[in-house]
């Protein structure tokens, strides 16, 4: 299950070689805000923190900062946003985890990002197939 969630996380986090991924994530967050109230009211980077909690489970701010290569203060700010919208919770030892609402939202964002990327890749493959057919006809 961990490997599965890790693969979903890779589809959510922005990648340098895929600049459209951030644009896609923004679109999915806005679209999913209808079903997950408050999702569009948090900074986009909070989604990355939420995704990391979804994959790795409960963690403190230092572990999250290390995993996401973010500043600890920024992570705390994003956690506050998640906490305010009831996507995350903090236990008495200072460990953060997702609420059921946060789990559902993370799953929905991941699913939609995979669907979006799949559609984009399918379009690319179709384009390459057409190009290949054209090359074969020479």
C-alpha atoms as a PDB file:
ATOM      1  CA  UNK A   1       0.000   0.000   0.000  1.00  0.00           C
ATOM      2  CA  UNK A   2       2.865   2.382   0.783  1.00  0.00           C
ATOM      3  CA  UNK A   3       4.371   2.008  -2.706  1.00  0.00           C
ATOM      4  CA  UNK A   4       0.975   2.719  -4.252  1.00  0.00           C
ATOM      5  CA  UNK A   5       0.563   5.900  -2.196  1.00  0.00           C
ATOM      6  CA  UNK A   6       4.141   6.912  -2.972  1.00  0.00           C
ATOM      7  CA  UNK A   7       3.423   6.635  -6.699  1.00  0.00           C
ATOM      8  CA  UNK A   8       0.319   8.803  -6.278  1.00  0.00           C
ATOM      9  CA  UNK A   9       2.419  11.388  -4.408  1.00  0.00           C
ATOM     10  CA  UNK A  10       4.788  11.565  -7.367  1.00  0.00           C
ATOM     11  CA  UNK A  11       1.856  12.550  -9.570  1.00  0.00           C
ATOM     12  CA  UNK A  12       0.822  15.345  -7.185  1.00  0.00           C
ATOM     13  CA  UNK A  13       4.185  16.936  -6.428  1.00  0.00           C
ATOM     14  CA  UNK A  14       5.470  19.381  -9.044  1.00  0.00           C
ATOM     15  CA  UNK A  15       8.258  18.157 -11.278  1.00  0.00           C
ATOM     16  CA  UNK A  16      10.813  20.381 -12.967  1.00  0.00           C
ATOM     17  CA  UNK A  17      10.448  18.543 -16.262  1.00  0.00           C
ATOM     18  CA  UNK A  18       6.663  18.958 -16.231  1.00  0.00           C
ATOM     19  CA  UNK A  19       5.723  22.599 -15.696  1.00  0.00           C
ATOM     20  CA  UNK A  20       2.065  21.948 -16.530  1.00  0.00           C
ATOM     21  CA  UNK A  21       1.740  19.768 -13.406  1.00  0.00           C
ATOM     22  CA  UNK A  22       1.295  22.820 -11.138  1.00  0.00           C
ATOM     23  CA  UNK A  23      -1.365  24.199 -13.467  1.00  0.00           C
ATOM     24  CA  UNK A  24      -3.111  20.820 -13.477  1.00  0.00           C
ATOM     25  CA  UNK A  25      -2.994  20.619  -9.686  1.00  0.00           C
ATOM     26  CA  UNK A  26      -4.497  24.092  -9.358  1.00  0.00           C
ATOM     27  CA  UNK A  27      -7.322  23.072 -11.695  1.00  0.00           C
ATOM     28  CA  UNK A  28      -8.014  19.873  -9.782  1.00  0.00           C
ATOM     29  CA  UNK A  29      -8.054  21.659  -6.424  1.00  0.00           C
ATOM     30  CA  UNK A  30     -10.581  24.189  -7.722  1.00  0.00           C
ATOM     31  CA  UNK A  31     -12.698  21.428  -9.272  1.00  0.00           C
ATOM     32  CA  UNK A  32     -12.613  19.278  -6.130  1.00  0.00           C
ATOM     33  CA  UNK A  33     -13.480  22.173  -3.820  1.00  0.00           C
ATOM     34  CA  UNK A  34     -17.109  21.491  -4.673  1.00  0.00           C
ATOM     35  CA  UNK A  35     -16.927  18.128  -2.886  1.00  0.00           C
ATOM     36  CA  UNK A  36     -14.221  19.023  -0.351  1.00  0.00           C
ATOM     37  CA  UNK A  37     -15.144  22.365   1.182  1.00  0.00           C
ATOM     38  CA  UNK A  38     -12.174  24.617   1.826  1.00  0.00           C
ATOM     39  CA  UNK A  39      -9.752  22.830  -0.481  1.00  0.00           C
ATOM     40  CA  UNK A  40      -9.518  25.871  -2.729  1.00  0.00           C
ATOM     41  CA  UNK A  41      -8.992  28.170   0.270  1.00  0.00           C
ATOM     42  CA  UNK A  42      -5.606  26.747   1.254  1.00  0.00           C
ATOM     43  CA  UNK A  43      -2.270  27.502  -0.420  1.00  0.00           C
ATOM     44  CA  UNK A  44      -1.292  25.036  -3.132  1.00  0.00           C
ATOM     45  CA  UNK A  45       1.802  24.047  -1.133  1.00  0.00           C
ATOM     46  CA  UNK A  46      -0.536  22.840   1.622  1.00  0.00           C
ATOM     47  CA  UNK A  47      -1.694  20.180  -0.826  1.00  0.00           C
ATOM     48  CA  UNK A  48       1.890  18.900  -0.980  1.00  0.00           C
ATOM     49  CA  UNK A  49       1.988  18.643   2.821  1.00  0.00           C
ATOM     50  CA  UNK A  50      -1.372  16.892   2.803  1.00  0.00           C
ATOM     51  CA  UNK A  51      -0.150  14.476   0.123  1.00  0.00           C
ATOM     52  CA  UNK A  52       2.986  13.710   2.135  1.00  0.00           C
ATOM     53  CA  UNK A  53       0.879  12.949   5.214  1.00  0.00           C
ATOM     54  CA  UNK A  54      -1.309  10.725   3.055  1.00  0.00           C
ATOM     55  CA  UNK A  55       1.692   8.745   1.866  1.00  0.00           C
ATOM     56  CA  UNK A  56       3.896   8.701   4.932  1.00  0.00           C
ATOM     57  CA  UNK A  57       1.288   8.797   7.654  1.00  0.00           C
ATOM     58  CA  UNK A  58       1.634  10.810  10.849  1.00  0.00           C
ATOM     59  CA  UNK A  59       4.747  12.980  11.071  1.00  0.00           C
ATOM     60  CA  UNK A  60       6.079  16.033  12.817  1.00  0.00           C
ATOM     61  CA  UNK A  61       6.889  19.287  11.039  1.00  0.00           C
ATOM     62  CA  UNK A  62      10.618  18.476  10.819  1.00  0.00           C
ATOM     63  CA  UNK A  63      10.015  15.136   9.086  1.00  0.00           C
ATOM     64  CA  UNK A  64       7.584  16.792   6.688  1.00  0.00           C
ATOM     65  CA  UNK A  65      10.020  19.624   5.932  1.00  0.00           C
ATOM     66  CA  UNK A  66      12.786  17.134   5.231  1.00  0.00           C
ATOM     67  CA  UNK A  67      10.612  14.948   3.000  1.00  0.00           C
ATOM     68  CA  UNK A  68       9.287  17.900   1.010  1.00  0.00           C
ATOM     69  CA  UNK A  69      12.525  19.932   1.031  1.00  0.00           C
ATOM     70  CA  UNK A  70      10.702  22.893   2.565  1.00  0.00           C
ATOM     71  CA  UNK A  71      11.469  25.288   5.392  1.00  0.00           C
ATOM     72  CA  UNK A  72      10.019  24.122   8.729  1.00  0.00           C
ATOM     73  CA  UNK A  73       8.264  27.467   9.264  1.00  0.00           C
ATOM     74  CA  UNK A  74       6.563  27.154   5.884  1.00  0.00           C
ATOM     75  CA  UNK A  75       5.463  23.617   6.718  1.00  0.00           C
ATOM     76  CA  UNK A  76       3.985  24.853  10.003  1.00  0.00           C
ATOM     77  CA  UNK A  77       2.084  27.557   8.132  1.00  0.00           C
ATOM     78  CA  UNK A  78       0.695  24.988   5.682  1.00  0.00           C
ATOM     79  CA  UNK A  79      -0.207  22.645   8.541  1.00  0.00           C
ATOM     80  CA  UNK A  80      -2.108  25.498  10.200  1.00  0.00           C
ATOM     81  CA  UNK A  81      -4.092  25.977   6.999  1.00  0.00           C
ATOM     82  CA  UNK A  82      -4.877  22.256   6.874  1.00  0.00           C
ATOM     83  CA  UNK A  83      -5.814  22.253  10.563  1.00  0.00           C
ATOM     84  CA  UNK A  84      -8.153  25.267  10.152  1.00  0.00           C
ATOM     85  CA  UNK A  85     -10.012  23.506   7.333  1.00  0.00           C
ATOM     86  CA  UNK A  86     -10.108  20.208   9.272  1.00  0.00           C
ATOM     87  CA  UNK A  87      -7.934  18.333   6.790  1.00  0.00           C
ATOM     88  CA  UNK A  88      -5.249  17.627   9.405  1.00  0.00           C
ATOM     89  CA  UNK A  89      -5.033  17.186  13.153  1.00  0.00           C
ATOM     90  CA  UNK A  90      -2.275  17.388  15.738  1.00  0.00           C
ATOM     91  CA  UNK A  91      -1.942  14.975  18.611  1.00  0.00           C
ATOM     92  CA  UNK A  92      -0.561  15.747  22.066  1.00  0.00           C
ATOM     93  CA  UNK A  93       2.992  14.772  21.052  1.00  0.00           C
ATOM     94  CA  UNK A  94       3.113  17.309  18.212  1.00  0.00           C
ATOM     95  CA  UNK A  95       2.606  14.757  15.454  1.00  0.00           C
ATOM     96  CA  UNK A  96       0.330  15.651  12.569  1.00  0.00           C
ATOM     97  CA  UNK A  97      -1.954  13.317  10.664  1.00  0.00           C
ATOM     98  CA  UNK A  98      -4.826  13.624   8.232  1.00  0.00           C
ATOM     99  CA  UNK A  99      -8.419  13.571   9.313  1.00  0.00           C
ATOM    100  CA  UNK A 100     -10.885  11.433   7.397  1.00  0.00           C
ATOM    101  CA  UNK A 101     -11.743  14.552   5.377  1.00  0.00           C
ATOM    102  CA  UNK A 102      -8.044  15.058   4.597  1.00  0.00           C
ATOM    103  CA  UNK A 103      -7.651  11.416   3.549  1.00  0.00           C
ATOM    104  CA  UNK A 104     -10.645  11.697   1.215  1.00  0.00           C
ATOM    105  CA  UNK A 105      -9.387  14.954  -0.299  1.00  0.00           C
ATOM    106  CA  UNK A 106      -5.870  13.536  -0.794  1.00  0.00           C
ATOM    107  CA  UNK A 107      -7.242  10.459  -2.502  1.00  0.00           C
ATOM    108  CA  UNK A 108      -9.456  12.587  -4.781  1.00  0.00           C
ATOM    109  CA  UNK A 109      -6.620  14.943  -5.754  1.00  0.00           C
ATOM    110  CA  UNK A 110      -4.321  12.008  -6.473  1.00  0.00           C
ATOM    111  CA  UNK A 111      -6.938  10.222  -8.542  1.00  0.00           C
ATOM    112  CA  UNK A 112      -7.728  13.291 -10.616  1.00  0.00           C
ATOM    113  CA  UNK A 113      -4.053  14.061 -11.198  1.00  0.00           C
ATOM    114  CA  UNK A 114      -3.466  10.505 -12.422  1.00  0.00           C
ATOM    115  CA  UNK A 115      -6.483  10.765 -14.750  1.00  0.00           C
ATOM    116  CA  UNK A 116      -5.299  14.117 -16.095  1.00  0.00           C
ATOM    117  CA  UNK A 117      -1.758  12.908 -16.692  1.00  0.00           C
ATOM    118  CA  UNK A 118      -3.047   9.721 -18.298  1.00  0.00           C
ATOM    119  CA  UNK A 119      -5.151  11.730 -20.740  1.00  0.00           C
ATOM    120  CA  UNK A 120      -2.185  13.962 -21.570  1.00  0.00           C
ATOM    121  CA  UNK A 121       0.097  10.970 -22.106  1.00  0.00           C
ATOM    122  CA  UNK A 122      -2.523   9.245 -24.265  1.00  0.00           C
ATOM    123  CA  UNK A 123      -2.627  12.357 -26.449  1.00  0.00           C
ATOM    124  CA  UNK A 124       1.167  12.336 -26.714  1.00  0.00           C
ATOM    125  CA  UNK A 125       1.212   8.651 -27.685  1.00  0.00           C
ATOM    126  CA  UNK A 126      -1.460   9.254 -30.336  1.00  0.00           C
ATOM    127  CA  UNK A 127       0.590  12.159 -31.697  1.00  0.00           C
ATOM    128  CA  UNK A 128       3.731   9.996 -31.821  1.00  0.00           C
ATOM    129  CA  UNK A 129       1.812   7.169 -33.494  1.00  0.00           C
ATOM    130  CA  UNK A 130       0.594   9.557 -36.184  1.00  0.00           C
ATOM    131  CA  UNK A 131       4.118  10.890 -36.650  1.00  0.00           C
ATOM    132  CA  UNK A 132       5.440   7.336 -36.908  1.00  0.00           C
ATOM    133  CA  UNK A 133       2.818   6.448 -39.528  1.00  0.00           C
ATOM    134  CA  UNK A 134       3.793   9.534 -41.513  1.00  0.00           C
ATOM    135  CA  UNK A 135       7.473   8.558 -41.354  1.00  0.00           C
ATOM    136  CA  UNK A 136       6.657   5.024 -42.471  1.00  0.00           C
ATOM    137  CA  UNK A 137       4.856   6.339 -45.544  1.00  0.00           C
ATOM    138  CA  UNK A 138       8.002   8.002 -46.927  1.00  0.00           C
END
